[in-house]
PDB file of N, CA and C in Angstrom:
ATOM      1  N   MET A   1      12.683 139.500  18.530  1.00  0.00           N
ATOM      2  CA  MET A   1      11.485 139.073  18.911  1.00  0.00           C
ATOM      3  C   MET A   1      11.500 137.476  18.656  1.00  0.00           C
ATOM      4  N   SER A   2      12.028 136.978  17.655  1.00  0.00           N
ATOM      5  CA  SER A   2      11.925 135.514  17.271  1.00  0.00           C
ATOM      6  C   SER A   2      12.726 134.670  18.262  1.00  0.00           C
ATOM      7  N   THR A   3      13.543 135.112  19.150  1.00  0.00           N
ATOM      8  CA  THR A   3      14.223 134.279  20.099  1.00  0.00           C
ATOM      9  C   THR A   3      13.089 133.316  20.774  1.00  0.00           C
ATOM     10  N   ILE A   4      12.182 134.068  21.597  1.00  0.00           N
ATOM     11  CA  ILE A   4      11.490 133.392  22.359  1.00  0.00           C
ATOM     12  C   ILE A   4      10.454 132.568  21.350  1.00  0.00           C
ATOM     13  N   LEU A   5      10.159 132.780  20.308  1.00  0.00           N
ATOM     14  CA  LEU A   5       9.507 131.760  19.433  1.00  0.00           C
ATOM     15  C   LEU A   5      10.198 130.674  19.096  1.00  0.00           C
ATOM     16  N   ASP A   6      11.505 130.923  18.838  1.00  0.00           N
ATOM     17  CA  ASP A   6      12.588 129.913  18.518  1.00  0.00           C
ATOM     18  C   ASP A   6      12.670 128.938  19.770  1.00  0.00           C
ATOM     19  N   ARG A   7      12.777 129.452  20.816  1.00  0.00           N
ATOM     20  CA  ARG A   7      12.892 128.598  22.012  1.00  0.00           C
ATOM     21  C   ARG A   7      11.686 127.830  22.126  1.00  0.00           C
ATOM     22  N   LEU A   8      10.513 128.494  22.306  1.00  0.00           N
ATOM     23  CA  LEU A   8       9.287 127.516  22.310  1.00  0.00           C
ATOM     24  C   LEU A   8       8.959 126.647  21.195  1.00  0.00           C
ATOM     25  N   ALA A   9       9.474 126.961  19.908  1.00  0.00           N
ATOM     26  CA  ALA A   9       9.360 125.998  18.983  1.00  0.00           C
ATOM     27  C   ALA A   9      10.213 124.681  19.256  1.00  0.00           C
ATOM     28  N   ASP A  10      11.359 125.073  19.743  1.00  0.00           N
ATOM     29  CA  ASP A  10      12.301 123.804  20.111  1.00  0.00           C
ATOM     30  C   ASP A  10      11.673 123.134  21.062  1.00  0.00           C
ATOM     31  N   VAL A  11      11.051 123.606  22.052  1.00  0.00           N
ATOM     32  CA  VAL A  11      10.315 122.872  23.164  1.00  0.00           C
ATOM     33  C   VAL A  11       9.062 122.032  22.560  1.00  0.00           C
ATOM     34  N   ILE A  12       8.335 122.690  21.751  1.00  0.00           N
ATOM     35  CA  ILE A  12       7.267 122.181  21.154  1.00  0.00           C
ATOM     36  C   ILE A  12       7.702 120.980  20.304  1.00  0.00           C
ATOM     37  N   GLU A  13       8.679 121.113  19.400  1.00  0.00           N
ATOM     38  CA  GLU A  13       9.239 120.019  18.477  1.00  0.00           C
ATOM     39  C   GLU A  13       9.753 118.788  19.738  1.00  0.00           C
ATOM     40  N   SER A  14      10.308 119.161  20.830  1.00  0.00           N
ATOM     41  CA  SER A  14      10.700 117.852  21.659  1.00  0.00           C
ATOM     42  C   SER A  14       9.408 117.345  22.269  1.00  0.00           C
ATOM     43  N   ARG A  15       8.400 117.817  22.184  1.00  0.00           N
ATOM     44  CA  ARG A  15       7.152 117.044  22.717  1.00  0.00           C
ATOM     45  C   ARG A  15       6.535 116.133  21.890  1.00  0.00           C
ATOM     46  N   LYS A  16       6.875 116.228  20.489  1.00  0.00           N
ATOM     47  CA  LYS A  16       6.220 115.282  19.667  1.00  0.00           C
ATOM     48  C   LYS A  16       6.625 113.821  20.138  1.00  0.00           C
ATOM     49  N   PRO A  17       5.596 112.942  20.147  1.00  0.00           N
ATOM     50  CA  PRO A  17       5.915 111.599  20.446  1.00  0.00           C
ATOM     51  C   PRO A  17       7.294 110.943  19.795  1.00  0.00           C
ATOM     52  N   ALA A  18       7.188 111.265  18.637  1.00  0.00           N
ATOM     53  CA  ALA A  18       8.280 110.642  17.606  1.00  0.00           C
ATOM     54  C   ALA A  18       9.598 111.114  18.130  1.00  0.00           C
ATOM     55  N   ASN A  19       9.718 112.225  18.956  1.00  0.00           N
ATOM     56  CA  ASN A  19      11.011 112.978  19.719  1.00  0.00           C
ATOM     57  C   ASN A  19      10.997 112.598  20.967  1.00  0.00           C
ATOM     58  N   GLY A  20      10.139 111.536  21.623  1.00  0.00           N
ATOM     59  CA  GLY A  20      10.291 111.168  22.733  1.00  0.00           C
ATOM     60  C   GLY A  20       9.279 111.735  23.823  1.00  0.00           C
ATOM     61  N   GLY A  21       8.429 112.770  23.190  1.00  0.00           N
ATOM     62  CA  GLY A  21       7.480 113.221  24.146  1.00  0.00           C
ATOM     63  C   GLY A  21       6.513 112.347  24.517  1.00  0.00           C
ATOM     64  N   ASP A  22       5.998 112.438  25.719  1.00  0.00           N
ATOM     65  CA  ASP A  22       5.024 111.628  26.345  1.00  0.00           C
ATOM     66  C   ASP A  22       3.632 112.136  26.713  1.00  0.00           C
ATOM     67  N   PRO A  23       2.672 111.624  26.049  1.00  0.00           N
ATOM     68  CA  PRO A  23       1.333 111.947  26.005  1.00  0.00           C
ATOM     69  C   PRO A  23       0.772 111.987  27.538  1.00  0.00           C
ATOM     70  N   ALA A  24       1.219 111.226  28.359  1.00  0.00           N
ATOM     71  CA  ALA A  24       0.842 111.103  29.650  1.00  0.00           C
ATOM     72  C   ALA A  24       1.284 112.028  30.514  1.00  0.00           C
ATOM     73  N   ALA A  25       2.500 112.771  30.045  1.00  0.00           N
ATOM     74  CA  ALA A  25       3.169 113.759  31.095  1.00  0.00           C
ATOM     75  C   ALA A  25       3.161 115.063  30.397  1.00  0.00           C
ATOM     76  N   SER A  26       2.694 115.391  29.154  1.00  0.00           N
ATOM     77  CA  SER A  26       2.828 116.724  28.627  1.00  0.00           C
ATOM     78  C   SER A  26       1.578 116.792  27.630  1.00  0.00           C
ATOM     79  N   TYR A  27       0.834 117.924  27.924  1.00  0.00           N
ATOM     80  CA  TYR A  27      -0.300 118.543  27.154  1.00  0.00           C
ATOM     81  C   TYR A  27       0.180 118.541  25.782  1.00  0.00           C
ATOM     82  N   THR A  28       1.175 119.055  25.375  1.00  0.00           N
ATOM     83  CA  THR A  28       1.517 119.264  24.097  1.00  0.00           C
ATOM     84  C   THR A  28       1.749 118.041  23.351  1.00  0.00           C
ATOM     85  N   SER A  29       2.575 117.008  23.872  1.00  0.00           N
ATOM     86  CA  SER A  29       2.586 115.680  23.550  1.00  0.00           C
ATOM     87  C   SER A  29       1.231 114.928  23.397  1.00  0.00           C
ATOM     88  N   LYS A  30       0.169 115.285  24.267  1.00  0.00           N
ATOM     89  CA  LYS A  30      -1.240 114.589  23.938  1.00  0.00           C
ATOM     90  C   LYS A  30      -1.940 115.117  23.026  1.00  0.00           C
ATOM     91  N   LEU A  31      -1.556 116.546  22.583  1.00  0.00           N
ATOM     92  CA  LEU A  31      -2.140 117.245  21.302  1.00  0.00           C
ATOM     93  C   LEU A  31      -1.620 116.547  19.984  1.00  0.00           C
ATOM     94  N   PHE A  32      -0.311 116.365  20.044  1.00  0.00           N
ATOM     95  CA  PHE A  32       0.411 115.546  18.846  1.00  0.00           C
ATOM     96  C   PHE A  32      -0.104 114.134  18.594  1.00  0.00           C
ATOM     97  N   ALA A  33      -0.430 113.485  19.738  1.00  0.00           N
ATOM     98  CA  ALA A  33      -0.830 112.250  19.665  1.00  0.00           C
ATOM     99  C   ALA A  33      -2.178 112.056  19.173  1.00  0.00           C
ATOM    100  N   LYS A  34      -3.021 113.008  19.521  1.00  0.00           N
ATOM    101  CA  LYS A  34      -4.498 113.028  19.054  1.00  0.00           C
ATOM    102  C   LYS A  34      -4.423 113.484  17.542  1.00  0.00           C
ATOM    103  N   GLY A  35      -3.565 114.252  17.029  1.00  0.00           N
ATOM    104  CA  GLY A  35      -3.474 114.434  15.629  1.00  0.00           C
ATOM    105  C   GLY A  35      -4.069 115.903  15.271  1.00  0.00           C
ATOM    106  N   ASP A  36      -4.247 115.967  14.044  1.00  0.00           N
ATOM    107  CA  ASP A  36      -4.345 117.312  13.286  1.00  0.00           C
ATOM    108  C   ASP A  36      -5.642 117.877  13.681  1.00  0.00           C
ATOM    109  N   ASP A  37      -6.713 117.140  13.901  1.00  0.00           N
ATOM    110  CA  ASP A  37      -7.971 117.632  14.179  1.00  0.00           C
ATOM    111  C   ASP A  37      -8.272 118.132  15.636  1.00  0.00           C
ATOM    112  N   ALA A  38      -7.392 117.528  16.372  1.00  0.00           N
ATOM    113  CA  ALA A  38      -7.463 117.909  17.949  1.00  0.00           C
ATOM    114  C   ALA A  38      -6.639 119.334  18.104  1.00  0.00           C
ATOM    115  N   ILE A  39      -5.444 119.493  17.340  1.00  0.00           N
ATOM    116  CA  ILE A  39      -4.873 120.572  17.122  1.00  0.00           C
ATOM    117  C   ILE A  39      -5.680 121.771  16.614  1.00  0.00           C
ATOM    118  N   LEU A  40      -6.327 121.633  15.397  1.00  0.00           N
ATOM    119  CA  LEU A  40      -7.273 122.460  14.771  1.00  0.00           C
ATOM    120  C   LEU A  40      -8.521 122.900  15.813  1.00  0.00           C
ATOM    121  N   LYS A  41      -8.851 121.848  16.536  1.00  0.00           N
ATOM    122  CA  LYS A  41     -10.105 122.338  17.403  1.00  0.00           C
ATOM    123  C   LYS A  41      -9.436 123.179  18.420  1.00  0.00           C
ATOM    124  N   LYS A  42      -8.544 123.029  18.990  1.00  0.00           N
ATOM    125  CA  LYS A  42      -7.883 123.821  20.067  1.00  0.00           C
ATOM    126  C   LYS A  42      -7.717 125.305  19.277  1.00  0.00           C
ATOM    127  N   ILE A  43      -7.122 125.475  18.185  1.00  0.00           N
ATOM    128  CA  ILE A  43      -6.686 126.580  17.531  1.00  0.00           C
ATOM    129  C   ILE A  43      -8.381 127.368  17.462  1.00  0.00           C
ATOM    130  N   GLY A  44      -9.264 126.645  17.094  1.00  0.00           N
ATOM    131  CA  GLY A  44     -10.681 127.270  16.718  1.00  0.00           C
ATOM    132  C   GLY A  44     -11.099 127.956  18.284  1.00  0.00           C
ATOM    133  N   GLU A  45     -11.107 126.921  19.278  1.00  0.00           N
ATOM    134  CA  GLU A  45     -11.304 127.403  20.611  1.00  0.00           C
ATOM    135  C   GLU A  45     -10.712 128.700  21.023  1.00  0.00           C
ATOM    136  N   GLU A  46      -9.483 128.734  20.841  1.00  0.00           N
ATOM    137  CA  GLU A  46      -8.544 129.655  21.243  1.00  0.00           C
ATOM    138  C   GLU A  46      -8.910 130.914  20.551  1.00  0.00           C
ATOM    139  N   ALA A  47      -9.203 130.707  19.137  1.00  0.00           N
ATOM    140  CA  ALA A  47      -9.503 132.052  18.427  1.00  0.00           C
ATOM    141  C   ALA A  47     -10.862 132.623  18.881  1.00  0.00           C
ATOM    142  N   THR A  48     -11.727 131.744  19.050  1.00  0.00           N
ATOM    143  CA  THR A  48     -13.039 132.225  19.669  1.00  0.00           C
ATOM    144  C   THR A  48     -12.979 132.853  21.028  1.00  0.00           C
ATOM    145  N   GLU A  49     -12.173 132.374  21.884  1.00  0.00           N
ATOM    146  CA  GLU A  49     -11.849 133.067  23.169  1.00  0.00           C
ATOM    147  C   GLU A  49     -11.136 134.232  22.936  1.00  0.00           C
ATOM    148  N   THR A  50     -10.319 134.479  21.998  1.00  0.00           N
ATOM    149  CA  THR A  50      -9.540 136.082  21.784  1.00  0.00           C
ATOM    150  C   THR A  50     -10.571 136.640  21.366  1.00  0.00           C
ATOM    151  N   VAL A  51     -11.608 136.355  20.476  1.00  0.00           N
ATOM    152  CA  VAL A  51     -12.614 137.368  19.879  1.00  0.00           C
ATOM    153  C   VAL A  51     -13.501 137.847  21.234  1.00  0.00           C
ATOM    154  N   MET A  52     -13.921 136.769  21.955  1.00  0.00           N
ATOM    155  CA  MET A  52     -14.753 137.287  23.279  1.00  0.00           C
ATOM    156  C   MET A  52     -14.005 137.993  24.064  1.00  0.00           C
ATOM    157  N   ALA A  53     -12.769 137.787  24.290  1.00  0.00           N
ATOM    158  CA  ALA A  53     -12.000 138.643  25.184  1.00  0.00           C
ATOM    159  C   ALA A  53     -11.874 140.002  24.578  1.00  0.00           C
ATOM    160  N   ALA A  54     -11.506 140.288  23.306  1.00  0.00           N
ATOM    161  CA  ALA A  54     -11.537 141.527  22.629  1.00  0.00           C
ATOM    162  C   ALA A  54     -13.011 142.383  22.668  1.00  0.00           C
ATOM    163  N   LYS A  55     -14.113 141.612  22.670  1.00  0.00           N
ATOM    164  CA  LYS A  55     -15.243 142.128  22.707  1.00  0.00           C
ATOM    165  C   LYS A  55     -15.507 142.763  24.065  1.00  0.00           C
ATOM    166  N   ASP A  56     -15.126 141.855  25.175  1.00  0.00           N
ATOM    167  CA  ASP A  56     -15.193 142.309  26.380  1.00  0.00           C
ATOM    168  C   ASP A  56     -14.461 143.470  26.898  1.00  0.00           C
ATOM    169  N   ALA A  57     -13.050 143.373  26.306  1.00  0.00           N
ATOM    170  CA  ALA A  57     -12.244 144.503  26.503  1.00  0.00           C
ATOM    171  C   ALA A  57     -12.857 145.885  25.889  1.00  0.00           C
ATOM    172  N   ARG A  58     -13.458 145.767  24.554  1.00  0.00           N
ATOM    173  CA  ARG A  58     -13.988 147.008  24.093  1.00  0.00           C
ATOM    174  C   ARG A  58     -15.226 147.416  24.755  1.00  0.00           C
ATOM    175  N   ALA A  59     -15.851 146.600  25.581  1.00  0.00           N
ATOM    176  CA  ALA A  59     -17.101 147.012  26.477  1.00  0.00           C
ATOM    177  C   ALA A  59     -16.712 147.429  27.789  1.00  0.00           C
ATOM    178  N   GLY A  60     -15.172 147.661  28.062  1.00  0.00           N
ATOM    179  CA  GLY A  60     -14.628 148.086  29.242  1.00  0.00           C
ATOM    180  C   GLY A  60     -14.048 147.074  30.142  1.00  0.00           C
ATOM    181  N   GLY A  61     -13.935 145.894  29.508  1.00  0.00           N
ATOM    182  CA  GLY A  61     -13.481 144.859  30.320  1.00  0.00           C
ATOM    183  C   GLY A  61     -11.941 145.002  30.270  1.00  0.00           C
ATOM    184  N   ASP A  62     -11.340 143.968  30.877  1.00  0.00           N
ATOM    185  CA  ASP A  62      -9.851 143.893  31.175  1.00  0.00           C
ATOM    186  C   ASP A  62      -9.173 143.414  29.878  1.00  0.00           C
ATOM    187  N   SER A  63      -8.372 144.421  29.295  1.00  0.00           N
ATOM    188  CA  SER A  63      -7.576 144.065  27.974  1.00  0.00           C
ATOM    189  C   SER A  63      -6.608 143.174  28.211  1.00  0.00           C
ATOM    190  N   GLY A  64      -6.287 142.897  29.471  1.00  0.00           N
ATOM    191  CA  GLY A  64      -5.208 141.859  29.623  1.00  0.00           C
ATOM    192  C   GLY A  64      -5.427 140.439  29.457  1.00  0.00           C
ATOM    193  N   LYS A  65      -6.898 140.178  29.302  1.00  0.00           N
ATOM    194  CA  LYS A  65      -7.351 139.039  28.814  1.00  0.00           C
ATOM    195  C   LYS A  65      -7.229 138.783  27.402  1.00  0.00           C
ATOM    196  N   VAL A  66      -7.102 139.950  26.497  1.00  0.00           N
ATOM    197  CA  VAL A  66      -6.940 139.573  25.323  1.00  0.00           C
ATOM    198  C   VAL A  66      -5.393 139.194  25.072  1.00  0.00           C
ATOM    199  N   LEU A  67      -4.608 139.877  25.831  1.00  0.00           N
ATOM    200  CA  LEU A  67      -3.376 139.226  25.670  1.00  0.00           C
ATOM    201  C   LEU A  67      -3.151 137.864  26.102  1.00  0.00           C
ATOM    202  N   TYR A  68      -3.645 137.303  27.183  1.00  0.00           N
ATOM    203  CA  TYR A  68      -3.650 136.029  27.612  1.00  0.00           C
ATOM    204  C   TYR A  68      -4.229 135.155  26.577  1.00  0.00           C
ATOM    205  N   GLU A  69      -5.234 135.442  25.924  1.00  0.00           N
ATOM    206  CA  GLU A  69      -5.841 134.517  24.889  1.00  0.00           C
ATOM    207  C   GLU A  69      -5.039 134.673  23.626  1.00  0.00           C
ATOM    208  N   VAL A  70      -4.569 135.783  23.246  1.00  0.00           N
ATOM    209  CA  VAL A  70      -3.710 135.649  22.103  1.00  0.00           C
ATOM    210  C   VAL A  70      -2.477 134.749  22.382  1.00  0.00           C
ATOM    211  N   ALA A  71      -1.866 134.896  23.623  1.00  0.00           N
ATOM    212  CA  ALA A  71      -0.715 133.872  23.866  1.00  0.00           C
ATOM    213  C   ALA A  71      -1.200 132.403  23.711  1.00  0.00           C
ATOM    214  N   ASP A  72      -2.482 132.149  24.045  1.00  0.00           N
ATOM    215  CA  ASP A  72      -2.781 130.764  23.982  1.00  0.00           C
ATOM    216  C   ASP A  72      -3.016 130.262  22.548  1.00  0.00           C
ATOM    217  N   LEU A  73      -3.660 131.331  21.704  1.00  0.00           N
ATOM    218  CA  LEU A  73      -3.586 131.298  20.293  1.00  0.00           C
ATOM    219  C   LEU A  73      -2.465 130.925  19.446  1.00  0.00           C
ATOM    220  N   TRP A  74      -1.477 131.890  19.887  1.00  0.00           N
ATOM    221  CA  TRP A  74      -0.106 131.823  19.090  1.00  0.00           C
ATOM    222  C   TRP A  74       0.485 130.372  19.581  1.00  0.00           C
ATOM    223  N   PHE A  75       0.421 129.909  20.806  1.00  0.00           N
ATOM    224  CA  PHE A  75       1.065 128.763  21.386  1.00  0.00           C
ATOM    225  C   PHE A  75       0.373 127.405  20.492  1.00  0.00           C
ATOM    226  N   HIS A  76      -0.999 127.448  20.265  1.00  0.00           N
ATOM    227  CA  HIS A  76      -1.468 126.408  19.566  1.00  0.00           C
ATOM    228  C   HIS A  76      -1.132 126.634  18.057  1.00  0.00           C
ATOM    229  N   THR A  77      -1.192 127.684  17.867  1.00  0.00           N
ATOM    230  CA  THR A  77      -0.640 127.858  16.141  1.00  0.00           C
ATOM    231  C   THR A  77       0.971 127.268  16.073  1.00  0.00           C
ATOM    232  N   LEU A  78       1.628 127.579  16.997  1.00  0.00           N
ATOM    233  CA  LEU A  78       2.999 127.024  17.003  1.00  0.00           C
ATOM    234  C   LEU A  78       2.942 125.604  16.814  1.00  0.00           C
ATOM    235  N   VAL A  79       2.159 124.948  17.595  1.00  0.00           N
ATOM    236  CA  VAL A  79       1.864 123.507  17.669  1.00  0.00           C
ATOM    237  C   VAL A  79       1.486 122.936  16.335  1.00  0.00           C
ATOM    238  N   LEU A  80       0.695 123.691  15.689  1.00  0.00           N
ATOM    239  CA  LEU A  80       0.152 123.529  14.306  1.00  0.00           C
ATOM    240  C   LEU A  80       1.251 123.554  13.347  1.00  0.00           C
ATOM    241  N   LEU A  81       2.251 124.644  13.205  1.00  0.00           N
ATOM    242  CA  LEU A  81       3.374 124.804  12.521  1.00  0.00           C
ATOM    243  C   LEU A  81       4.108 123.350  12.690  1.00  0.00           C
ATOM    244  N   ALA A  82       4.364 122.991  14.118  1.00  0.00           N
ATOM    245  CA  ALA A  82       5.128 121.943  14.137  1.00  0.00           C
ATOM    246  C   ALA A  82       4.681 120.592  13.600  1.00  0.00           C
ATOM    247  N   GLN A  83       3.524 120.514  13.777  1.00  0.00           N
ATOM    248  CA  GLN A  83       2.765 119.343  13.382  1.00  0.00           C
ATOM    249  C   GLN A  83       3.133 119.009  11.682  1.00  0.00           C
ATOM    250  N   PHE A  84       3.206 120.268  10.942  1.00  0.00           N
ATOM    251  CA  PHE A  84       3.479 120.246   9.560  1.00  0.00           C
ATOM    252  C   PHE A  84       5.121 120.554   9.161  1.00  0.00           C
ATOM    253  N   ASP A  85       5.802 120.433  10.190  1.00  0.00           N
ATOM    254  CA  ASP A  85       7.234 120.483  10.044  1.00  0.00           C
ATOM    255  C   ASP A  85       7.547 121.908   9.505  1.00  0.00           C
ATOM    256  N   LEU A  86       7.015 122.826  10.096  1.00  0.00           N
ATOM    257  CA  LEU A  86       7.296 124.282   9.833  1.00  0.00           C
ATOM    258  C   LEU A  86       7.686 125.005  11.016  1.00  0.00           C
ATOM    259  N   LYS A  87       8.460 126.179  10.762  1.00  0.00           N
ATOM    260  CA  LYS A  87       9.190 126.900  11.668  1.00  0.00           C
ATOM    261  C   LYS A  87       8.491 128.248  11.905  1.00  0.00           C
ATOM    262  N   PRO A  88       8.543 128.792  13.048  1.00  0.00           N
ATOM    263  CA  PRO A  88       8.041 130.383  13.120  1.00  0.00           C
ATOM    264  C   PRO A  88       8.865 131.227  12.175  1.00  0.00           C
ATOM    265  N   GLN A  89      10.222 130.948  12.087  1.00  0.00           N
ATOM    266  CA  GLN A  89      10.947 131.779  11.182  1.00  0.00           C
ATOM    267  C   GLN A  89      10.321 131.874   9.861  1.00  0.00           C
ATOM    268  N   GLN A  90       9.737 130.743   9.499  1.00  0.00           N
ATOM    269  CA  GLN A  90       9.178 130.783   7.986  1.00  0.00           C
ATOM    270  C   GLN A  90       7.786 131.700   7.834  1.00  0.00           C
ATOM    271  N   VAL A  91       7.053 131.818   9.162  1.00  0.00           N
ATOM    272  CA  VAL A  91       5.938 132.673   9.124  1.00  0.00           C
ATOM    273  C   VAL A  91       6.670 134.324   9.142  1.00  0.00           C
ATOM    274  N   LEU A  92       7.557 134.342   9.889  1.00  0.00           N
ATOM    275  CA  LEU A  92       8.133 135.662   9.915  1.00  0.00           C
ATOM    276  C   LEU A  92       8.751 136.034   8.671  1.00  0.00           C
ATOM    277  N   ASP A  93       9.423 135.332   7.786  1.00  0.00           N
ATOM    278  CA  ASP A  93       9.861 135.435   6.418  1.00  0.00           C
ATOM    279  C   ASP A  93       8.660 135.804   5.669  1.00  0.00           C
ATOM    280  N   GLU A  94       7.651 135.233   5.605  1.00  0.00           N
ATOM    281  CA  GLU A  94       6.498 135.540   4.821  1.00  0.00           C
ATOM    282  C   GLU A  94       5.891 136.815   5.112  1.00  0.00           C
ATOM    283  N   LEU A  95       5.814 137.110   6.479  1.00  0.00           N
ATOM    284  CA  LEU A  95       5.463 138.521   6.824  1.00  0.00           C
ATOM    285  C   LEU A  95       6.389 139.499   6.247  1.00  0.00           C
ATOM    286  N   ALA A  96       7.755 139.293   6.463  1.00  0.00           N
ATOM    287  CA  ALA A  96       8.672 140.291   5.834  1.00  0.00           C
ATOM    288  C   ALA A  96       8.491 140.407   4.182  1.00  0.00           C
ATOM    289  N   ARG A  97       8.040 139.023   3.594  1.00  0.00           N
ATOM    290  CA  ARG A  97       7.914 139.384   2.100  1.00  0.00           C
ATOM    291  C   ARG A  97       6.768 140.295   1.789  1.00  0.00           C
ATOM    292  N   ARG A  98       5.835 140.177   2.785  1.00  0.00           N
ATOM    293  CA  ARG A  98       4.502 140.908   2.437  1.00  0.00           C
ATOM    294  C   ARG A  98       4.761 142.450   2.865  1.00  0.00           C
ATOM    295  N   GLU A  99       5.595 142.798   3.598  1.00  0.00           N
ATOM    296  CA  GLU A  99       5.987 144.077   4.160  1.00  0.00           C
ATOM    297  C   GLU A  99       5.965 145.059   3.133  1.00  0.00           C
ATOM    298  N   GLY A 100       5.128 146.118   3.118  1.00  0.00           N
ATOM    299  CA  GLY A 100       5.183 146.987   2.072  1.00  0.00           C
ATOM    300  C   GLY A 100       4.142 146.896   0.945  1.00  0.00           C
ATOM    301  N   VAL A 101       3.557 145.546   1.033  1.00  0.00           N
ATOM    302  CA  VAL A 101       2.514 145.351  -0.138  1.00  0.00           C
ATOM    303  C   VAL A 101       1.210 145.265   0.275  1.00  0.00           C
ATOM    304  N   SER A 102       0.294 146.057  -0.455  1.00  0.00           N
ATOM    305  CA  SER A 102      -1.120 146.297  -0.045  1.00  0.00           C
ATOM    306  C   SER A 102      -1.648 144.903   0.110  1.00  0.00           C
ATOM    307  N   GLY A 103      -2.514 144.810   1.077  1.00  0.00           N
ATOM    308  CA  GLY A 103      -3.066 143.654   1.337  1.00  0.00           C
ATOM    309  C   GLY A 103      -4.170 143.385   0.230  1.00  0.00           C
ATOM    310  N   ILE A 104      -4.693 144.216  -0.481  1.00  0.00           N
ATOM    311  CA  ILE A 104      -5.420 143.793  -1.652  1.00  0.00           C
ATOM    312  C   ILE A 104      -4.491 143.287  -2.767  1.00  0.00           C
ATOM    313  N   GLU A 105      -3.376 143.794  -2.876  1.00  0.00           N
ATOM    314  CA  GLU A 105      -2.313 143.325  -3.973  1.00  0.00           C
ATOM    315  C   GLU A 105      -2.007 142.170  -3.437  1.00  0.00           C
ATOM    316  N   GLU A 106      -1.691 141.760  -2.281  1.00  0.00           N
ATOM    317  CA  GLU A 106      -0.961 140.564  -1.769  1.00  0.00           C
ATOM    318  C   GLU A 106      -2.021 139.188  -2.036  1.00  0.00           C
ATOM    319  N   LYS A 107      -3.293 139.533  -1.653  1.00  0.00           N
ATOM    320  CA  LYS A 107      -4.369 138.564  -1.790  1.00  0.00           C
ATOM    321  C   LYS A 107      -4.673 138.282  -3.287  1.00  0.00           C
ATOM    322  N   ALA A 108      -4.572 139.205  -4.142  1.00  0.00           N
ATOM    323  CA  ALA A 108      -4.787 139.221  -5.459  1.00  0.00           C
ATOM    324  C   ALA A 108      -3.548 138.304  -6.216  1.00  0.00           C
ATOM    325  N   SER A 109      -2.365 138.376  -5.423  1.00  0.00           N
ATOM    326  CA  SER A 109      -1.398 137.705  -6.245  1.00  0.00           C
ATOM    327  C   SER A 109      -1.261 136.134  -5.839  1.00  0.00           C
ATOM    328  N   ARG A 110      -1.983 135.700  -4.915  1.00  0.00           N
ATOM    329  CA  ARG A 110      -2.074 134.299  -4.461  1.00  0.00           C
ATOM    330  C   ARG A 110      -2.521 133.373  -5.622  1.00  0.00           C
ATOM    331  N   LYS A 111      -1.989 132.252  -5.560  1.00  0.00           N
ATOM    332  CA  LYS A 111      -2.314 131.443  -6.737  1.00  0.00           C
ATOM    333  C   LYS A 111      -3.885 130.834  -6.399  1.00  0.00           C
ATOM    334  N   GLU A 112      -4.619 130.594  -7.128  1.00  0.00           N
ATOM    335  CA  GLU A 112      -6.019 130.093  -6.836  1.00  0.00           C
ATOM    336  C   GLU A 112      -5.698 128.497  -6.398  1.00  0.00           C
TER     337      GLU A 112
END
């Protein structure tokens, strides 16, 4: 599963202006050039669109739209990870660490 995430993360990394990405030629480069707030705004928009697509699907709409919106949300989340020099594998490792742990226990174990 992580192969596509790794490839996509590599492409995203290459789009950083510091790595030669051109904001005039690349949507992702433009996001990086605008900074954290622009990336965070896109994640908020995509999260809202995901919620709305799920509500529509629940009411008998096209569940394929949920898939489309989640893909957008994941993409923009990968951009955010790259902004902070984090890799998808680190997220997968964290999920693996939590595997088999109650969500209630995991949340209680977090540092304040």
